[in-house]
Amino acid sequence: MIKIAWGRVFGTSYKKRVKSDDELKKRFWDIMETFSRNPFTPFLLTRKLTGKLEGLQAISVTNDYRVIFKSLDKYEVLLIDIGGDDEVY
């Protein structure tokens, strides 16, 4: 199982973009549960990022929402940002 941590920036993005949307919040927590069990479950669309975000990865929460994260080691990740494509990329 993967340990998931998040920093101040992610917490701010979560509060601003997700917390007040009950449907999105439920989807986020369902995705995090799946991600913690297997971060490469196909429907998460886990992918490595390039360019200015090289070294980070992303998963899909919805068609439009992404979670950006960094692998700290084999069993722990740090969530960096959450939002629409135009907000996080």
C-alpha atoms as a PDB file:
ATOM      1  CA  MET A   1       0.000   0.000   0.000  1.00  0.00           C
ATOM      2  CA  ILE A   2       1.259   3.480  -0.903  1.00  0.00           C
ATOM      3  CA  LYS A   3       1.450   6.140   1.800  1.00  0.00           C
ATOM      4  CA  ILE A   4       0.034   9.451   0.564  1.00  0.00           C
ATOM      5  CA  ALA A   5       1.177  12.786   1.990  1.00  0.00           C
ATOM      6  CA  TRP A   6       0.416  16.314   0.927  1.00  0.00           C
ATOM      7  CA  GLY A   7       1.955  19.677   1.529  1.00  0.00           C
ATOM      8  CA  ARG A   8       0.618  23.164   2.100  1.00  0.00           C
ATOM      9  CA  VAL A   9       0.247  23.992  -1.610  1.00  0.00           C
ATOM     10  CA  PHE A  10      -1.813  20.861  -2.266  1.00  0.00           C
ATOM     11  CA  GLY A  11      -3.974  21.568   0.777  1.00  0.00           C
ATOM     12  CA  THR A  12      -4.708  25.065  -0.505  1.00  0.00           C
ATOM     13  CA  SER A  13      -5.572  23.766  -3.989  1.00  0.00           C
ATOM     14  CA  TYR A  14      -7.797  21.051  -2.495  1.00  0.00           C
ATOM     15  CA  LYS A  15      -9.720  23.564  -0.364  1.00  0.00           C
ATOM     16  CA  LYS A  16     -10.095  26.000  -3.244  1.00  0.00           C
ATOM     17  CA  ARG A  17     -11.028  23.561  -6.016  1.00  0.00           C
ATOM     18  CA  VAL A  18     -12.441  20.394  -4.454  1.00  0.00           C
ATOM     19  CA  LYS A  19     -13.685  20.754  -0.896  1.00  0.00           C
ATOM     20  CA  SER A  20     -16.950  22.585  -1.704  1.00  0.00           C
ATOM     21  CA  ASP A  21     -17.881  20.258  -4.592  1.00  0.00           C
ATOM     22  CA  ASP A  22     -19.362  17.136  -2.976  1.00  0.00           C
ATOM     23  CA  GLU A  23     -19.305  15.044  -6.161  1.00  0.00           C
ATOM     24  CA  LEU A  24     -15.695  15.943  -6.962  1.00  0.00           C
ATOM     25  CA  LYS A  25     -14.660  15.408  -3.324  1.00  0.00           C
ATOM     26  CA  LYS A  26     -16.162  11.897  -3.306  1.00  0.00           C
ATOM     27  CA  ARG A  27     -14.496  11.102  -6.625  1.00  0.00           C
ATOM     28  CA  PHE A  28     -11.140  12.387  -5.291  1.00  0.00           C
ATOM     29  CA  TRP A  29     -11.281  10.188  -2.187  1.00  0.00           C
ATOM     30  CA  ASP A  30     -12.360   7.139  -4.205  1.00  0.00           C
ATOM     31  CA  ILE A  31      -9.415   7.732  -6.561  1.00  0.00           C
ATOM     32  CA  MET A  32      -6.996   8.151  -3.619  1.00  0.00           C
ATOM     33  CA  GLU A  33      -8.165   4.848  -2.146  1.00  0.00           C
ATOM     34  CA  THR A  34      -7.570   3.081  -5.469  1.00  0.00           C
ATOM     35  CA  PHE A  35      -4.255   4.897  -5.959  1.00  0.00           C
ATOM     36  CA  SER A  36      -2.984   3.863  -2.521  1.00  0.00           C
ATOM     37  CA  ARG A  37      -3.643   0.198  -3.357  1.00  0.00           C
ATOM     38  CA  ASN A  38      -2.222   0.311  -6.893  1.00  0.00           C
ATOM     39  CA  PRO A  39      -0.986   3.589  -8.399  1.00  0.00           C
ATOM     40  CA  PHE A  40      -0.843   2.021 -11.855  1.00  0.00           C
ATOM     41  CA  THR A  41      -4.464   0.913 -12.065  1.00  0.00           C
ATOM     42  CA  PRO A  42      -5.219   1.572 -15.755  1.00  0.00           C
ATOM     43  CA  PHE A  43      -8.192   3.924 -15.311  1.00  0.00           C
ATOM     44  CA  LEU A  44      -6.039   6.330 -13.246  1.00  0.00           C
ATOM     45  CA  LEU A  45      -4.004   7.034 -16.385  1.00  0.00           C
ATOM     46  CA  THR A  46      -0.831   7.425 -14.316  1.00  0.00           C
ATOM     47  CA  ARG A  47       1.834   9.137 -16.384  1.00  0.00           C
ATOM     48  CA  LYS A  48       5.206  10.808 -16.088  1.00  0.00           C
ATOM     49  CA  LEU A  49       5.288  14.501 -16.885  1.00  0.00           C
ATOM     50  CA  THR A  50       7.791  16.338 -19.021  1.00  0.00           C
ATOM     51  CA  GLY A  51       8.988  19.898 -19.488  1.00  0.00           C
ATOM     52  CA  LYS A  52       8.769  22.172 -16.463  1.00  0.00           C
ATOM     53  CA  LEU A  53       7.070  19.348 -14.517  1.00  0.00           C
ATOM     54  CA  GLU A  54       9.688  16.718 -15.314  1.00  0.00           C
ATOM     55  CA  GLY A  55      10.224  14.395 -12.359  1.00  0.00           C
ATOM     56  CA  LEU A  56       6.551  14.575 -11.381  1.00  0.00           C
ATOM     57  CA  GLN A  57       3.654  12.339 -12.328  1.00  0.00           C
ATOM     58  CA  ALA A  58      -0.089  12.792 -12.762  1.00  0.00           C
ATOM     59  CA  ILE A  59      -3.250  10.762 -12.336  1.00  0.00           C
ATOM     60  CA  SER A  60      -6.740  11.527 -13.565  1.00  0.00           C
ATOM     61  CA  VAL A  61      -9.523  12.240 -11.096  1.00  0.00           C
ATOM     62  CA  THR A  62     -12.079  13.154 -13.780  1.00  0.00           C
ATOM     63  CA  ASN A  63     -11.864  13.898 -17.484  1.00  0.00           C
ATOM     64  CA  ASP A  64     -10.713  17.403 -16.586  1.00  0.00           C
ATOM     65  CA  TYR A  65      -9.140  17.128 -13.101  1.00  0.00           C
ATOM     66  CA  ARG A  66      -5.622  15.875 -12.414  1.00  0.00           C
ATOM     67  CA  VAL A  67      -3.549  15.230  -9.320  1.00  0.00           C
ATOM     68  CA  ILE A  68       0.155  16.010  -9.684  1.00  0.00           C
ATOM     69  CA  PHE A  69       2.436  14.024  -7.381  1.00  0.00           C
ATOM     70  CA  LYS A  70       6.041  13.168  -6.707  1.00  0.00           C
ATOM     71  CA  SER A  71       7.236   9.691  -5.747  1.00  0.00           C
ATOM     72  CA  LEU A  72       9.350   9.964  -2.614  1.00  0.00           C
ATOM     73  CA  ASP A  73      10.235   6.283  -2.656  1.00  0.00           C
ATOM     74  CA  LYS A  74       8.656   2.980  -3.647  1.00  0.00           C
ATOM     75  CA  TYR A  75       5.985   3.258  -0.934  1.00  0.00           C
ATOM     76  CA  GLU A  76       5.337   6.983  -0.472  1.00  0.00           C
ATOM     77  CA  VAL A  77       4.148   9.872  -2.646  1.00  0.00           C
ATOM     78  CA  LEU A  78       3.715  13.580  -2.057  1.00  0.00           C
ATOM     79  CA  LEU A  79       0.668  15.215  -3.646  1.00  0.00           C
ATOM     80  CA  ILE A  80       1.706  18.507  -5.257  1.00  0.00           C
ATOM     81  CA  ASP A  81      -1.388  20.013  -6.898  1.00  0.00           C
ATOM     82  CA  ILE A  82      -4.945  19.272  -8.018  1.00  0.00           C
ATOM     83  CA  GLY A  83      -7.017  21.025 -10.619  1.00  0.00           C
ATOM     84  CA  GLY A  84      -8.047  21.272 -14.218  1.00  0.00           C
ATOM     85  CA  ASP A  85      -5.510  20.825 -17.009  1.00  0.00           C
ATOM     86  CA  ASP A  86      -5.093  24.586 -17.389  1.00  0.00           C
ATOM     87  CA  GLU A  87      -4.509  24.986 -13.628  1.00  0.00           C
ATOM     88  CA  VAL A  88      -1.905  22.297 -12.984  1.00  0.00           C
ATOM     89  CA  TYR A  89       0.080  21.998 -16.217  1.00  0.00           C
END
